[in-house]
Amino acid sequence: MTALFLGLALIPSAPALKGPAKGDSPSIEGVWQLVEWNQKGAPVEFWDGQTVEFTPDGKRICQESPGAVDERSYKLIPKTSPAAIDLIRPSGGAEPTVHPSIYKIDGDTLTISVGIPTGERPTSFESNSADVRMVMTYKRVKKK
């Protein structure tokens, strides 16, 4: 009986896990500012304050220019390597447009390799690959 109480007493002092569990995708939630955008190997111009927020409920809130906010959605594909994500955009029709994509997070840098709708998921982060529509790089916006 004493061993049981001792074991229960030690549980709260166990260290918390840091980051995702092995095999899980890194957390994409939060606000990210676009810092680089390439399409088919060429840089794309963008607004300096362009951001995207990934919310826990699967929403992507995109601010592409001052005062222009667009709500889209996303779906993480668990236990994939590289981490997979579907970027979903309303199309105006019955079915939304789904871009099969992959992403990686390195510290405060998020890189998304966006695939071609109805195509295969990209296999690289090279914007000039045949299966890649574009590669976007973001920096995490720190909470104030």
C-alpha atoms as a PDB file:
ATOM      1  CA  MET A   1       0.000   0.000   0.000  1.00  0.00           C
ATOM      2  CA  THR A   2       2.858   2.389   0.847  1.00  0.00           C
ATOM      3  CA  ALA A   3       4.450   1.679  -2.538  1.00  0.00           C
ATOM      4  CA  LEU A   4       1.207   2.660  -4.287  1.00  0.00           C
ATOM      5  CA  PHE A   5       1.072   6.028  -2.497  1.00  0.00           C
ATOM      6  CA  LEU A   6       4.753   6.632  -3.151  1.00  0.00           C
ATOM      7  CA  GLY A   7       4.242   5.877  -6.856  1.00  0.00           C
ATOM      8  CA  LEU A   8       1.245   8.234  -7.064  1.00  0.00           C
ATOM      9  CA  ALA A   9       3.215  10.958  -5.279  1.00  0.00           C
ATOM     10  CA  LEU A  10       5.969  10.769  -7.895  1.00  0.00           C
ATOM     11  CA  ILE A  11       3.651  11.142 -10.913  1.00  0.00           C
ATOM     12  CA  PRO A  12       3.154  14.941 -10.636  1.00  0.00           C
ATOM     13  CA  SER A  13       6.903  15.471 -10.443  1.00  0.00           C
ATOM     14  CA  ALA A  14       7.608  13.566 -13.678  1.00  0.00           C
ATOM     15  CA  PRO A  15       8.973  15.844 -16.403  1.00  0.00           C
ATOM     16  CA  ALA A  16       6.514  16.956 -19.095  1.00  0.00           C
ATOM     17  CA  LEU A  17       7.103  15.893 -22.668  1.00  0.00           C
ATOM     18  CA  LYS A  18       8.610  18.598 -24.849  1.00  0.00           C
ATOM     19  CA  GLY A  19       7.241  18.961 -28.388  1.00  0.00           C
ATOM     20  CA  PRO A  20       5.348  16.284 -30.261  1.00  0.00           C
ATOM     21  CA  ALA A  21       5.629  12.632 -29.328  1.00  0.00           C
ATOM     22  CA  LYS A  22       7.804  10.488 -31.559  1.00  0.00           C
ATOM     23  CA  GLY A  23       6.005   9.931 -34.853  1.00  0.00           C
ATOM     24  CA  ASP A  24       3.662  12.897 -34.355  1.00  0.00           C
ATOM     25  CA  SER A  25       3.766  15.974 -36.560  1.00  0.00           C
ATOM     26  CA  PRO A  26       5.298  19.155 -35.101  1.00  0.00           C
ATOM     27  CA  SER A  27       2.778  21.740 -33.874  1.00  0.00           C
ATOM     28  CA  ILE A  28       1.804  24.198 -36.573  1.00  0.00           C
ATOM     29  CA  GLU A  29      -0.616  26.188 -34.411  1.00  0.00           C
ATOM     30  CA  GLY A  30       0.054  29.896 -34.061  1.00  0.00           C
ATOM     31  CA  VAL A  31       0.683  32.962 -36.202  1.00  0.00           C
ATOM     32  CA  TRP A  32       3.382  32.850 -38.887  1.00  0.00           C
ATOM     33  CA  GLN A  33       4.707  35.706 -41.075  1.00  0.00           C
ATOM     34  CA  LEU A  34       5.650  34.965 -44.674  1.00  0.00           C
ATOM     35  CA  VAL A  35       9.346  35.626 -45.353  1.00  0.00           C
ATOM     36  CA  GLU A  36       9.941  33.775 -48.633  1.00  0.00           C
ATOM     37  CA  TRP A  37       7.714  32.492 -51.445  1.00  0.00           C
ATOM     38  CA  ASN A  38       8.916  30.559 -54.494  1.00  0.00           C
ATOM     39  CA  GLN A  39       6.887  29.128 -57.331  1.00  0.00           C
ATOM     40  CA  LYS A  40       8.463  26.814 -59.909  1.00  0.00           C
ATOM     41  CA  GLY A  41      11.923  28.010 -58.857  1.00  0.00           C
ATOM     42  CA  ALA A  42      11.146  31.740 -59.109  1.00  0.00           C
ATOM     43  CA  PRO A  43      10.527  34.190 -56.238  1.00  0.00           C
ATOM     44  CA  VAL A  44       6.985  35.566 -55.854  1.00  0.00           C
ATOM     45  CA  GLU A  45       6.340  39.074 -54.535  1.00  0.00           C
ATOM     46  CA  PHE A  46       4.229  39.385 -51.396  1.00  0.00           C
ATOM     47  CA  TRP A  47       3.119  41.970 -48.854  1.00  0.00           C
ATOM     48  CA  ASP A  48       5.692  42.419 -46.075  1.00  0.00           C
ATOM     49  CA  GLY A  49       3.071  41.886 -43.330  1.00  0.00           C
ATOM     50  CA  GLN A  50       1.484  38.768 -44.849  1.00  0.00           C
ATOM     51  CA  THR A  51       0.608  36.234 -42.162  1.00  0.00           C
ATOM     52  CA  VAL A  52      -1.256  33.006 -41.651  1.00  0.00           C
ATOM     53  CA  GLU A  53      -2.676  31.755 -38.364  1.00  0.00           C
ATOM     54  CA  PHE A  54      -3.258  28.041 -37.872  1.00  0.00           C
ATOM     55  CA  THR A  55      -5.909  27.553 -35.165  1.00  0.00           C
ATOM     56  CA  PRO A  56      -6.453  24.381 -33.107  1.00  0.00           C
ATOM     57  CA  ASP A  57      -9.860  23.835 -34.749  1.00  0.00           C
ATOM     58  CA  GLY A  58      -8.449  23.473 -38.280  1.00  0.00           C
ATOM     59  CA  LYS A  59      -8.858  27.043 -39.519  1.00  0.00           C
ATOM     60  CA  ARG A  60      -6.253  29.036 -41.459  1.00  0.00           C
ATOM     61  CA  ILE A  61      -6.710  32.768 -41.143  1.00  0.00           C
ATOM     62  CA  CYS A  62      -4.747  34.403 -43.950  1.00  0.00           C
ATOM     63  CA  GLN A  63      -3.937  38.108 -44.053  1.00  0.00           C
ATOM     64  CA  GLU A  64      -2.607  38.690 -47.551  1.00  0.00           C
ATOM     65  CA  SER A  65      -2.753  42.501 -47.565  1.00  0.00           C
ATOM     66  CA  PRO A  66      -3.762  45.296 -45.163  1.00  0.00           C
ATOM     67  CA  GLY A  67      -7.433  44.799 -44.302  1.00  0.00           C
ATOM     68  CA  ALA A  68      -7.802  41.632 -46.436  1.00  0.00           C
ATOM     69  CA  VAL A  69      -8.387  38.596 -44.220  1.00  0.00           C
ATOM     70  CA  ASP A  70      -9.492  35.275 -45.688  1.00  0.00           C
ATOM     71  CA  GLU A  71     -10.554  32.206 -43.703  1.00  0.00           C
ATOM     72  CA  ARG A  72      -9.597  28.810 -45.062  1.00  0.00           C
ATOM     73  CA  SER A  73      -8.958  25.454 -43.420  1.00  0.00           C
ATOM     74  CA  TYR A  74      -6.338  22.745 -43.051  1.00  0.00           C
ATOM     75  CA  LYS A  75      -6.098  19.127 -42.013  1.00  0.00           C
ATOM     76  CA  LEU A  76      -2.988  17.519 -40.558  1.00  0.00           C
ATOM     77  CA  ILE A  77      -2.223  13.986 -41.699  1.00  0.00           C
ATOM     78  CA  PRO A  78      -0.875  12.226 -38.570  1.00  0.00           C
ATOM     79  CA  LYS A  79       2.218  10.068 -38.322  1.00  0.00           C
ATOM     80  CA  THR A  80       3.721  10.975 -41.706  1.00  0.00           C
ATOM     81  CA  SER A  81       7.280  11.770 -42.636  1.00  0.00           C
ATOM     82  CA  PRO A  82       7.717  14.436 -43.773  1.00  0.00           C
ATOM     83  CA  ALA A  83       4.764  15.906 -41.887  1.00  0.00           C
ATOM     84  CA  ALA A  84       1.746  16.085 -44.218  1.00  0.00           C
ATOM     85  CA  ILE A  85      -1.009  18.680 -44.352  1.00  0.00           C
ATOM     86  CA  ASP A  86      -3.951  19.330 -46.652  1.00  0.00           C
ATOM     87  CA  LEU A  87      -4.469  23.041 -47.321  1.00  0.00           C
ATOM     88  CA  ILE A  88      -8.163  23.504 -48.080  1.00  0.00           C
ATOM     89  CA  ARG A  89      -9.557  26.518 -49.900  1.00  0.00           C
ATOM     90  CA  PRO A  90     -13.205  27.201 -50.738  1.00  0.00           C
ATOM     91  CA  SER A  91     -13.633  27.009 -54.508  1.00  0.00           C
ATOM     92  CA  GLY A  92     -17.063  28.610 -54.937  1.00  0.00           C
ATOM     93  CA  GLY A  93     -18.391  25.216 -56.021  1.00  0.00           C
ATOM     94  CA  ALA A  94     -19.692  22.215 -54.149  1.00  0.00           C
ATOM     95  CA  GLU A  95     -16.231  20.833 -53.350  1.00  0.00           C
ATOM     96  CA  PRO A  96     -13.343  22.873 -51.927  1.00  0.00           C
ATOM     97  CA  THR A  97      -9.902  22.873 -53.540  1.00  0.00           C
ATOM     98  CA  VAL A  98      -7.455  20.674 -51.603  1.00  0.00           C
ATOM     99  CA  HIS A  99      -3.709  21.175 -51.983  1.00  0.00           C
ATOM    100  CA  PRO A 100      -1.848  18.093 -50.706  1.00  0.00           C
ATOM    101  CA  SER A 101       1.237  19.489 -48.979  1.00  0.00           C
ATOM    102  CA  ILE A 102       4.109  18.734 -46.630  1.00  0.00           C
ATOM    103  CA  TYR A 103       5.672  20.925 -43.968  1.00  0.00           C
ATOM    104  CA  LYS A 104       8.606  21.124 -41.623  1.00  0.00           C
ATOM    105  CA  ILE A 105       9.283  23.246 -38.583  1.00  0.00           C
ATOM    106  CA  ASP A 106      12.840  24.086 -37.613  1.00  0.00           C
ATOM    107  CA  GLY A 107      12.829  26.270 -34.486  1.00  0.00           C
ATOM    108  CA  ASP A 108      10.728  29.316 -35.407  1.00  0.00           C
ATOM    109  CA  THR A 109      10.759  28.593 -39.149  1.00  0.00           C
ATOM    110  CA  LEU A 110       7.866  26.877 -40.928  1.00  0.00           C
ATOM    111  CA  THR A 111       8.346  25.699 -44.513  1.00  0.00           C
ATOM    112  CA  ILE A 112       5.371  24.430 -46.519  1.00  0.00           C
ATOM    113  CA  SER A 113       5.739  22.660 -49.847  1.00  0.00           C
ATOM    114  CA  VAL A 114       2.355  23.013 -51.558  1.00  0.00           C
ATOM    115  CA  GLY A 115       1.254  20.376 -54.018  1.00  0.00           C
ATOM    116  CA  ILE A 116      -0.940  20.627 -57.081  1.00  0.00           C
ATOM    117  CA  PRO A 117      -4.687  20.136 -56.429  1.00  0.00           C
ATOM    118  CA  THR A 118      -5.756  16.617 -57.454  1.00  0.00           C
ATOM    119  CA  GLY A 119      -2.047  15.738 -57.688  1.00  0.00           C
ATOM    120  CA  GLU A 120       0.265  13.714 -55.518  1.00  0.00           C
ATOM    121  CA  ARG A 121       1.615  15.028 -52.238  1.00  0.00           C
ATOM    122  CA  PRO A 122       5.048  16.673 -52.756  1.00  0.00           C
ATOM    123  CA  THR A 123       8.096  14.701 -51.740  1.00  0.00           C
ATOM    124  CA  SER A 124      10.533  17.615 -51.420  1.00  0.00           C
ATOM    125  CA  PHE A 125      10.861  21.253 -50.408  1.00  0.00           C
ATOM    126  CA  GLU A 126      12.413  22.249 -53.752  1.00  0.00           C
ATOM    127  CA  SER A 127      10.131  24.724 -55.550  1.00  0.00           C
ATOM    128  CA  ASN A 128      11.298  23.576 -58.978  1.00  0.00           C
ATOM    129  CA  SER A 129      10.224  19.933 -58.420  1.00  0.00           C
ATOM    130  CA  ALA A 130       7.518  18.641 -60.769  1.00  0.00           C
ATOM    131  CA  ASP A 131       5.169  17.725 -57.886  1.00  0.00           C
ATOM    132  CA  VAL A 132       5.538  21.099 -56.090  1.00  0.00           C
ATOM    133  CA  ARG A 133       3.301  24.076 -56.886  1.00  0.00           C
ATOM    134  CA  MET A 134       5.073  26.450 -54.493  1.00  0.00           C
ATOM    135  CA  VAL A 135       7.221  26.601 -51.367  1.00  0.00           C
ATOM    136  CA  MET A 136       6.449  29.166 -48.679  1.00  0.00           C
ATOM    137  CA  THR A 137       8.671  29.935 -45.688  1.00  0.00           C
ATOM    138  CA  TYR A 138       7.341  31.617 -42.551  1.00  0.00           C
ATOM    139  CA  LYS A 139       8.744  32.866 -39.233  1.00  0.00           C
ATOM    140  CA  ARG A 140       6.720  32.381 -36.039  1.00  0.00           C
ATOM    141  CA  VAL A 141       5.232  35.634 -34.733  1.00  0.00           C
ATOM    142  CA  LYS A 142       6.089  35.932 -31.033  1.00  0.00           C
ATOM    143  CA  LYS A 143       3.232  36.622 -28.638  1.00  0.00           C
ATOM    144  CA  LYS A 144       3.464  40.052 -27.031  1.00  0.00           C
END
